[in-house]
N, C-alpha and C. Protein backbone atom coordinates (compact mmCIF):
# COMPACT_ATOMS: atom_id res chain seq x y z
N MET A 1 99.96 91.32 292.34
CA MET A 1 100.22 90.93 291.11
C MET A 1 99.27 89.80 290.37
N GLU A 2 98.88 89.67 289.16
CA GLU A 2 98.28 88.71 288.83
C GLU A 2 99.20 87.51 288.36
N PRO A 3 98.82 86.14 288.42
CA PRO A 3 99.64 84.96 288.35
C PRO A 3 99.82 84.91 286.84
N LEU A 4 101.09 84.61 286.30
CA LEU A 4 101.44 84.22 285.05
C LEU A 4 101.48 82.70 284.64
N ILE A 5 100.54 82.27 283.74
CA ILE A 5 100.79 80.78 283.50
C ILE A 5 101.39 80.72 282.04
N ARG A 6 102.37 79.96 282.13
CA ARG A 6 103.35 79.73 280.80
C ARG A 6 103.69 78.42 280.83
N SER A 7 104.38 78.26 279.52
CA SER A 7 105.02 76.80 279.26
C SER A 7 106.47 76.93 280.20
N ALA A 8 106.69 75.94 280.67
CA ALA A 8 107.76 75.73 281.45
C ALA A 8 109.22 75.66 280.58
N THR A 9 110.49 76.21 281.02
CA THR A 9 111.60 75.98 280.25
C THR A 9 112.70 75.41 281.27
N ARG A 10 113.64 75.15 280.58
CA ARG A 10 114.65 74.65 281.17
C ARG A 10 115.36 75.31 282.51
N GLU A 11 114.88 76.84 282.28
CA GLU A 11 115.33 77.57 283.42
C GLU A 11 114.66 77.32 284.65
N ASP A 12 113.46 76.80 284.43
CA ASP A 12 112.55 76.58 285.45
C ASP A 12 112.70 75.19 286.33
N LEU A 13 113.53 74.49 285.91
CA LEU A 13 113.76 73.11 286.38
C LEU A 13 114.24 73.19 287.89
N GLN A 14 115.23 73.81 287.98
CA GLN A 14 115.60 74.11 289.55
C GLN A 14 114.44 74.20 290.58
N ARG A 15 113.55 75.19 290.02
CA ARG A 15 112.51 75.60 290.94
C ARG A 15 111.50 74.40 291.09
N ILE A 16 111.07 73.84 289.86
CA ILE A 16 110.21 72.72 289.69
C ILE A 16 110.63 71.68 290.76
N ASN A 17 112.11 71.46 290.59
CA ASN A 17 112.42 70.21 291.36
C ASN A 17 112.64 70.61 292.95
N GLU A 18 112.54 72.01 293.37
CA GLU A 18 112.51 72.34 294.76
C GLU A 18 111.21 72.11 295.27
N ILE A 19 110.14 72.44 294.47
CA ILE A 19 108.87 72.33 295.03
C ILE A 19 108.41 71.01 294.87
N TYR A 20 108.86 70.10 294.11
CA TYR A 20 108.39 68.68 293.86
C TYR A 20 109.08 67.99 295.05
N ASN A 21 110.42 68.16 295.21
CA ASN A 21 111.44 67.39 296.23
C ASN A 21 110.62 67.73 297.45
N SER A 22 110.07 68.93 297.88
CA SER A 22 109.51 68.99 299.25
C SER A 22 108.24 68.40 299.39
N TYR A 23 107.46 67.83 298.37
CA TYR A 23 106.47 66.83 298.74
C TYR A 23 107.17 65.49 299.06
N ILE A 24 108.16 65.24 298.21
CA ILE A 24 108.75 63.83 298.53
C ILE A 24 109.09 63.79 299.81
N VAL A 25 109.69 64.73 300.43
CA VAL A 25 110.29 64.65 301.86
C VAL A 25 109.16 64.84 302.92
N ASN A 26 108.22 65.76 302.74
CA ASN A 26 107.30 66.23 303.44
C ASN A 26 105.88 65.81 303.61
N ARG A 27 105.68 65.25 302.40
CA ARG A 27 104.23 64.73 302.23
C ARG A 27 103.85 63.43 301.73
N HIS A 28 103.00 62.67 302.01
CA HIS A 28 102.62 61.46 301.41
C HIS A 28 102.01 61.49 299.87
N THR A 29 101.73 62.70 299.61
CA THR A 29 100.95 62.78 298.29
C THR A 29 101.86 62.55 297.02
N SER A 30 103.28 62.32 296.94
CA SER A 30 104.03 62.01 296.01
C SER A 30 104.59 60.69 296.60
N PHE A 31 104.47 59.39 295.60
CA PHE A 31 104.84 58.20 296.05
C PHE A 31 106.40 58.24 295.78
N ASP A 32 107.16 59.12 295.36
CA ASP A 32 108.46 58.90 295.27
C ASP A 32 108.97 59.09 296.67
N THR A 33 110.09 58.30 296.88
CA THR A 33 110.72 58.33 298.23
C THR A 33 112.07 58.84 298.26
N GLU A 34 112.73 59.19 297.25
CA GLU A 34 113.88 59.77 297.20
C GLU A 34 113.96 61.26 296.33
N PRO A 35 114.41 62.26 296.86
CA PRO A 35 114.46 63.46 295.96
C PRO A 35 115.05 63.20 294.54
N TRP A 36 114.58 64.04 293.70
CA TRP A 36 115.22 64.09 292.33
C TRP A 36 116.22 64.74 292.25
N THR A 37 117.36 64.36 291.73
CA THR A 37 118.54 65.29 291.07
C THR A 37 118.32 66.18 290.18
N GLN A 38 119.12 67.18 289.75
CA GLN A 38 118.72 68.08 288.65
C GLN A 38 118.86 67.40 287.55
N GLU A 39 120.08 66.30 287.47
CA GLU A 39 120.10 65.54 286.12
C GLU A 39 118.67 64.60 285.76
N GLU A 40 118.13 64.22 286.87
CA GLU A 40 116.93 63.37 286.75
C GLU A 40 115.89 64.21 286.09
N ARG A 41 115.85 65.69 286.67
CA ARG A 41 114.77 66.49 286.23
C ARG A 41 115.11 66.96 284.81
N ALA A 42 116.22 67.19 284.51
CA ALA A 42 116.53 67.42 283.00
C ALA A 42 116.36 66.42 282.09
N GLU A 43 116.59 65.29 282.42
CA GLU A 43 116.24 64.14 281.47
C GLU A 43 114.59 63.99 281.56
N TRP A 44 113.86 64.23 282.87
CA TRP A 44 112.41 64.07 282.64
C TRP A 44 111.84 65.14 281.62
N PHE A 45 112.57 66.45 281.81
CA PHE A 45 111.96 67.47 280.96
C PHE A 45 112.04 67.25 279.39
N GLU A 46 112.87 66.47 278.86
CA GLU A 46 113.17 66.09 277.54
C GLU A 46 111.86 65.75 276.73
N LYS A 47 110.65 65.12 277.44
CA LYS A 47 109.52 64.66 276.98
C LYS A 47 108.61 65.83 276.63
N TYR A 48 109.09 66.96 277.17
CA TYR A 48 108.14 68.24 277.03
C TYR A 48 108.61 69.34 276.07
N GLU A 49 109.94 68.91 275.60
CA GLU A 49 110.61 69.85 274.48
C GLU A 49 109.75 69.68 273.06
N PRO A 50 109.43 70.84 272.45
CA PRO A 50 108.51 70.73 271.25
C PRO A 50 109.51 69.81 270.20
N PRO A 51 108.72 69.26 269.31
CA PRO A 51 107.37 68.91 269.43
C PRO A 51 107.07 67.81 270.34
N SER A 52 106.07 68.09 271.26
CA SER A 52 105.68 67.01 272.05
C SER A 52 104.31 66.80 272.27
N ARG A 53 103.79 65.47 272.52
CA ARG A 53 102.51 65.39 272.93
C ARG A 53 101.91 65.74 274.27
N TYR A 54 103.10 66.12 275.04
CA TYR A 54 102.78 66.26 276.62
C TYR A 54 103.17 67.62 276.77
N ASP A 55 102.57 68.27 277.98
CA ASP A 55 102.78 69.64 278.14
C ASP A 55 103.16 69.73 279.71
N LEU A 56 103.72 70.91 279.84
CA LEU A 56 104.39 71.37 281.18
C LEU A 56 104.15 72.99 281.32
N VAL A 57 103.28 73.19 282.18
CA VAL A 57 103.30 74.61 282.50
C VAL A 57 103.30 74.88 283.89
N VAL A 58 103.77 76.20 283.98
CA VAL A 58 104.01 76.63 285.21
C VAL A 58 103.07 77.97 285.58
N VAL A 59 103.10 78.31 286.94
CA VAL A 59 102.48 79.38 287.32
C VAL A 59 103.35 80.30 288.04
N GLU A 60 103.66 81.52 287.84
CA GLU A 60 104.68 82.45 288.38
C GLU A 60 103.91 83.64 289.02
N ILE A 61 104.42 84.08 290.28
CA ILE A 61 104.09 85.36 290.72
C ILE A 61 105.43 86.00 291.09
N GLU A 62 105.18 87.21 290.47
CA GLU A 62 106.42 88.30 291.02
C GLU A 62 107.69 87.60 290.39
N GLU A 63 107.57 86.71 289.16
CA GLU A 63 108.74 86.33 288.51
C GLU A 63 109.18 84.89 289.40
N LYS A 64 108.63 84.44 290.27
CA LYS A 64 108.82 83.38 291.02
C LYS A 64 107.81 82.30 290.73
N VAL A 65 108.33 80.90 290.23
CA VAL A 65 107.56 79.69 289.93
C VAL A 65 107.08 79.28 291.32
N MET A 66 105.69 79.23 291.20
CA MET A 66 105.03 78.80 292.40
C MET A 66 104.36 77.34 292.35
N GLY A 67 104.36 76.83 291.21
CA GLY A 67 103.78 75.60 290.93
C GLY A 67 104.00 75.32 289.48
N PHE A 68 103.55 73.93 289.07
CA PHE A 68 103.46 73.45 287.86
C PHE A 68 102.46 72.51 287.70
N ALA A 69 102.10 72.16 286.38
CA ALA A 69 101.23 71.14 286.06
C ALA A 69 101.70 70.44 284.93
N SER A 70 101.59 69.05 284.57
CA SER A 70 102.01 68.47 283.75
C SER A 70 101.09 67.50 283.03
N SER A 71 101.26 66.94 281.88
CA SER A 71 100.66 65.75 281.16
C SER A 71 101.61 64.80 280.91
N SER A 72 101.49 63.58 281.04
CA SER A 72 102.25 62.44 280.87
C SER A 72 101.73 61.27 280.27
N PRO A 73 102.42 60.27 279.88
CA PRO A 73 102.01 59.10 279.30
C PRO A 73 100.96 58.57 280.55
N PHE A 74 99.83 58.04 280.26
CA PHE A 74 99.02 57.33 281.21
C PHE A 74 99.56 56.08 281.66
N ARG A 75 99.81 55.33 280.33
CA ARG A 75 100.57 53.92 280.60
C ARG A 75 101.41 53.83 279.31
N SER A 76 102.56 52.81 279.44
CA SER A 76 103.20 52.69 278.34
C SER A 76 102.85 51.93 277.13
N LYS A 77 101.91 51.26 277.04
CA LYS A 77 101.33 50.46 276.11
C LYS A 77 100.69 51.28 274.92
N THR A 78 100.91 50.96 273.67
CA THR A 78 100.47 51.83 272.65
C THR A 78 98.93 52.28 272.56
N ALA A 79 98.16 51.24 273.03
CA ALA A 79 96.53 51.42 273.02
C ALA A 79 96.04 52.58 274.14
N TYR A 80 97.07 53.02 274.89
CA TYR A 80 96.89 53.93 275.90
C TYR A 80 97.15 55.43 275.18
N ASP A 81 97.70 55.56 274.18
CA ASP A 81 98.20 56.65 273.52
C ASP A 81 97.41 57.87 273.54
N SER A 82 96.11 57.46 273.59
CA SER A 82 95.03 58.83 273.38
C SER A 82 94.58 59.33 275.03
N SER A 83 95.51 58.77 275.99
CA SER A 83 95.07 59.06 277.41
C SER A 83 96.26 59.76 277.77
N VAL A 84 96.16 60.49 278.90
CA VAL A 84 97.33 60.92 279.79
C VAL A 84 96.90 61.19 281.21
N GLU A 85 98.02 61.03 281.84
CA GLU A 85 97.99 61.36 283.21
C GLU A 85 98.32 62.90 283.56
N THR A 86 97.52 63.59 284.29
CA THR A 86 97.80 64.96 284.64
C THR A 86 98.36 65.07 286.06
N THR A 87 99.07 65.97 286.44
CA THR A 87 99.69 66.12 287.67
C THR A 87 99.64 67.62 287.86
N ILE A 88 99.49 68.19 289.14
CA ILE A 88 99.51 69.42 289.60
C ILE A 88 100.20 69.48 290.87
N VAL A 89 101.16 70.37 291.06
CA VAL A 89 102.15 70.45 292.19
C VAL A 89 102.37 72.11 292.49
N LEU A 90 101.89 72.47 293.60
CA LEU A 90 102.22 73.92 294.08
C LEU A 90 102.83 74.02 295.20
N ASP A 91 103.76 75.07 295.30
CA ASP A 91 104.60 75.28 296.17
C ASP A 91 103.64 75.43 297.56
N GLU A 92 104.24 74.76 298.70
CA GLU A 92 103.31 74.76 300.05
C GLU A 92 102.68 76.15 300.11
N ALA A 93 103.68 77.35 299.99
CA ALA A 93 103.24 78.64 300.38
C ALA A 93 102.10 79.03 299.27
N ALA A 94 101.72 78.47 298.27
CA ALA A 94 100.81 78.84 297.13
C ALA A 94 99.61 77.99 297.37
N ILE A 95 99.38 77.12 298.13
CA ILE A 95 98.17 76.17 298.45
C ILE A 95 97.15 77.18 299.05
N GLY A 96 95.98 77.09 298.61
CA GLY A 96 94.92 77.98 298.82
C GLY A 96 94.89 79.34 298.48
N ARG A 97 95.66 79.75 297.39
CA ARG A 97 95.78 81.02 296.98
C ARG A 97 95.00 81.33 295.66
N GLY A 98 94.22 79.98 295.16
CA GLY A 98 93.60 80.25 293.79
C GLY A 98 94.45 80.12 292.56
N LEU A 99 95.52 79.43 292.78
CA LEU A 99 96.44 79.14 291.62
C LEU A 99 96.23 77.75 291.10
N GLY A 100 95.67 76.98 291.68
CA GLY A 100 95.55 75.52 291.33
C GLY A 100 94.57 75.55 289.89
N ARG A 101 93.50 76.19 290.07
CA ARG A 101 92.38 76.05 289.09
C ARG A 101 92.76 76.53 287.80
N PRO A 102 93.38 77.68 287.94
CA PRO A 102 93.89 78.28 286.60
C PRO A 102 94.76 77.58 285.75
N LEU A 103 95.77 77.13 286.90
CA LEU A 103 96.95 76.34 286.09
C LEU A 103 96.63 75.23 285.50
N LEU A 104 95.59 74.35 286.13
CA LEU A 104 95.22 73.16 285.67
C LEU A 104 94.27 73.24 284.30
N THR A 105 93.51 74.16 284.51
CA THR A 105 92.46 74.67 283.51
C THR A 105 93.34 74.77 282.20
N GLU A 106 94.63 75.58 282.18
CA GLU A 106 95.45 75.84 281.12
C GLU A 106 96.13 74.61 280.62
N LEU A 107 96.65 73.83 281.61
CA LEU A 107 97.05 72.36 281.17
C LEU A 107 96.05 71.75 280.34
N LEU A 108 94.71 71.56 280.74
CA LEU A 108 93.65 70.77 280.15
C LEU A 108 93.37 71.35 278.82
N ALA A 109 93.28 72.59 278.74
CA ALA A 109 93.09 73.37 277.29
C ALA A 109 94.14 72.85 276.22
N ARG A 110 95.51 72.73 276.85
CA ARG A 110 96.57 72.34 275.86
C ARG A 110 96.29 70.91 275.46
N VAL A 111 95.92 70.06 276.52
CA VAL A 111 95.83 68.58 276.18
C VAL A 111 94.87 68.56 275.40
N ALA A 112 93.67 69.22 275.50
CA ALA A 112 92.32 68.90 274.77
C ALA A 112 92.83 69.36 273.21
N ALA A 113 93.48 70.43 273.02
CA ALA A 113 93.72 71.00 271.88
C ALA A 113 94.58 69.97 270.98
N LYS A 114 95.25 68.96 271.54
CA LYS A 114 96.08 67.89 271.17
C LYS A 114 95.27 66.57 270.49
N GLY A 115 93.91 67.02 270.75
CA GLY A 115 92.93 65.73 270.37
C GLY A 115 93.04 64.63 271.23
N LEU A 116 93.38 64.76 272.39
CA LEU A 116 93.57 63.48 273.33
C LEU A 116 92.09 63.17 273.78
N HIS A 117 91.87 61.84 274.05
CA HIS A 117 90.58 61.41 274.63
C HIS A 117 90.29 61.51 275.99
N ARG A 118 91.14 61.15 276.90
CA ARG A 118 90.93 61.09 278.37
C ARG A 118 92.18 61.66 279.08
N ALA A 119 91.94 62.31 280.22
CA ALA A 119 92.89 62.66 281.43
C ALA A 119 92.49 62.11 282.60
N TYR A 120 93.42 61.44 283.19
CA TYR A 120 93.39 60.87 284.54
C TYR A 120 94.25 61.42 285.52
N ALA A 121 93.76 61.62 286.69
CA ALA A 121 94.47 62.19 287.88
C ALA A 121 94.56 60.97 288.95
N LEU A 122 95.74 60.70 289.52
CA LEU A 122 95.77 59.69 290.29
C LEU A 122 96.16 60.36 291.78
N ILE A 123 95.34 60.47 292.60
CA ILE A 123 95.49 61.34 293.70
C ILE A 123 95.64 60.55 295.11
N ALA A 124 96.76 60.52 295.66
CA ALA A 124 97.10 59.87 297.11
C ALA A 124 96.18 60.27 298.02
N LEU A 125 95.48 59.42 298.68
CA LEU A 125 94.53 59.94 299.77
C LEU A 125 95.18 59.79 301.22
N PRO A 126 94.66 60.86 302.08
CA PRO A 126 93.77 61.98 301.85
C PRO A 126 94.32 63.06 301.21
N ASN A 127 93.52 63.75 300.28
CA ASN A 127 93.97 64.83 299.71
C ASN A 127 92.65 65.80 299.27
N ASP A 128 91.83 66.14 300.24
CA ASP A 128 90.56 66.80 299.87
C ASP A 128 90.65 67.74 298.98
N LEU A 129 91.70 68.70 299.20
CA LEU A 129 91.75 70.06 298.26
C LEU A 129 91.80 69.46 296.78
N SER A 130 92.85 68.37 296.49
CA SER A 130 93.05 68.05 295.29
C SER A 130 91.70 67.29 294.51
N VAL A 131 91.04 66.41 295.35
CA VAL A 131 89.83 65.76 294.83
C VAL A 131 88.82 67.09 294.39
N VAL A 132 88.54 68.00 295.25
CA VAL A 132 87.65 69.05 294.99
C VAL A 132 88.03 69.71 293.80
N LEU A 133 89.54 70.30 293.66
CA LEU A 133 89.80 71.03 292.44
C LEU A 133 89.38 70.14 291.01
N HIS A 134 89.92 68.81 291.06
CA HIS A 134 89.60 67.91 289.91
C HIS A 134 88.31 67.95 289.67
N THR A 135 87.28 67.70 290.92
CA THR A 135 85.94 67.59 290.39
C THR A 135 85.37 68.68 289.92
N LYS A 136 85.51 70.25 290.34
CA LYS A 136 85.40 71.27 289.85
C LYS A 136 85.56 71.40 288.55
N LEU A 137 86.55 70.83 288.11
CA LEU A 137 86.98 70.95 286.43
C LEU A 137 86.57 69.67 285.74
N GLY A 138 85.64 68.97 286.22
CA GLY A 138 84.96 68.04 285.52
C GLY A 138 85.54 66.58 285.48
N TYR A 139 86.62 66.21 286.41
CA TYR A 139 86.83 65.08 286.31
C TYR A 139 85.78 64.27 287.53
N ARG A 140 85.63 62.87 286.99
CA ARG A 140 84.87 62.16 287.87
C ARG A 140 85.63 60.96 288.46
N ASN A 141 85.38 60.67 289.77
CA ASN A 141 85.89 59.51 290.36
C ASN A 141 85.48 58.27 289.57
N VAL A 142 86.43 57.32 289.39
CA VAL A 142 86.56 56.10 288.79
C VAL A 142 86.73 54.87 289.57
N GLY A 143 87.36 55.10 290.73
CA GLY A 143 87.90 54.08 291.53
C GLY A 143 88.90 54.57 292.50
N VAL A 144 89.11 53.57 293.35
CA VAL A 144 90.29 53.76 294.36
C VAL A 144 91.02 52.54 294.33
N LEU A 145 92.43 52.81 294.47
CA LEU A 145 93.34 51.66 294.61
C LEU A 145 93.56 51.69 295.98
N ASP A 146 93.01 50.65 296.76
CA ASP A 146 93.15 50.61 298.37
C ASP A 146 94.53 50.35 298.73
N GLU A 147 95.01 51.16 299.58
CA GLU A 147 96.51 50.97 300.30
C GLU A 147 97.41 50.51 299.34
N VAL A 148 97.53 51.13 298.22
CA VAL A 148 98.36 50.86 297.07
C VAL A 148 99.90 51.12 297.23
N GLY A 149 100.15 52.25 298.05
CA GLY A 149 101.49 52.57 298.28
C GLY A 149 101.67 52.79 299.71
N ARG A 150 103.03 52.71 300.13
CA ARG A 150 103.38 52.82 301.75
C ARG A 150 104.47 53.86 301.66
N LYS A 151 104.16 54.93 302.37
CA LYS A 151 105.00 56.10 302.53
C LYS A 151 104.92 56.55 303.90
N MET A 152 106.02 57.22 304.49
CA MET A 152 105.73 57.78 306.01
C MET A 152 105.29 56.90 306.96
N GLY A 153 105.58 55.62 306.95
CA GLY A 153 105.11 54.51 307.79
C GLY A 153 103.70 54.04 307.72
N ALA A 154 103.13 54.51 306.84
CA ALA A 154 101.61 54.18 306.59
C ALA A 154 101.34 53.75 305.16
N PHE A 155 100.11 53.11 304.94
CA PHE A 155 99.73 52.70 303.69
C PHE A 155 98.65 53.86 303.14
N HIS A 156 98.84 54.20 301.78
CA HIS A 156 97.90 55.12 301.22
C HIS A 156 97.23 54.76 300.24
N SER A 157 95.82 54.93 300.07
CA SER A 157 95.22 54.59 298.80
C SER A 157 95.14 55.87 297.82
N VAL A 158 94.86 55.50 296.58
CA VAL A 158 94.89 56.50 295.50
C VAL A 158 93.60 56.40 294.96
N ARG A 159 93.06 57.56 294.50
CA ARG A 159 91.64 57.88 293.86
C ARG A 159 92.01 58.13 292.45
N ILE A 160 91.41 57.49 291.54
CA ILE A 160 91.60 57.77 290.09
C ILE A 160 90.30 58.54 289.82
N MET A 161 90.93 59.81 288.96
CA MET A 161 89.83 60.48 288.53
C MET A 161 89.95 60.54 286.90
N GLU A 162 89.01 60.77 286.36
CA GLU A 162 88.98 60.75 284.72
C GLU A 162 88.39 61.86 284.21
N LEU A 163 88.83 62.53 283.24
CA LEU A 163 87.99 63.72 282.42
C LEU A 163 88.02 63.33 281.00
N ALA A 164 86.77 63.37 280.69
CA ALA A 164 86.62 63.12 279.05
C ALA A 164 86.86 64.37 278.29
N LEU A 165 87.68 64.31 277.42
CA LEU A 165 88.29 65.57 276.73
C LEU A 165 87.30 65.79 275.66
């Protein structure tokens, strides 16, 4: 069955939380250290409700959400308003199934349609699959924050990638 990529709804929040919380518990690639509650996720979702300058899309296979991609404020200062940070998270069972590229492509099309200027991805290293995906979609490496975060008993660096929209 073909994957369906669509705007996320409140009904997707439990599944989004399941996917994201698995990264918090099992991987270094999310710098969150405590799983999100459903209440926190519902509050987070408010910034995506129309009309919004930010987007949240999900990919679903056989009516089950298998990942999501979102745009969010890059930084809180007003001068950064023309830029967004993009995030993509797939269910661990969906990694390597070709869902990331169409999901992130759809998000970027929506972001570009809003007239934004730059998109940034901050990728905890190592994460070769994410770096390759972003590179294929036109992001370029603009720097590395060396050992900026500590999780799972180790320091991790973060690659900053930029896409001109």
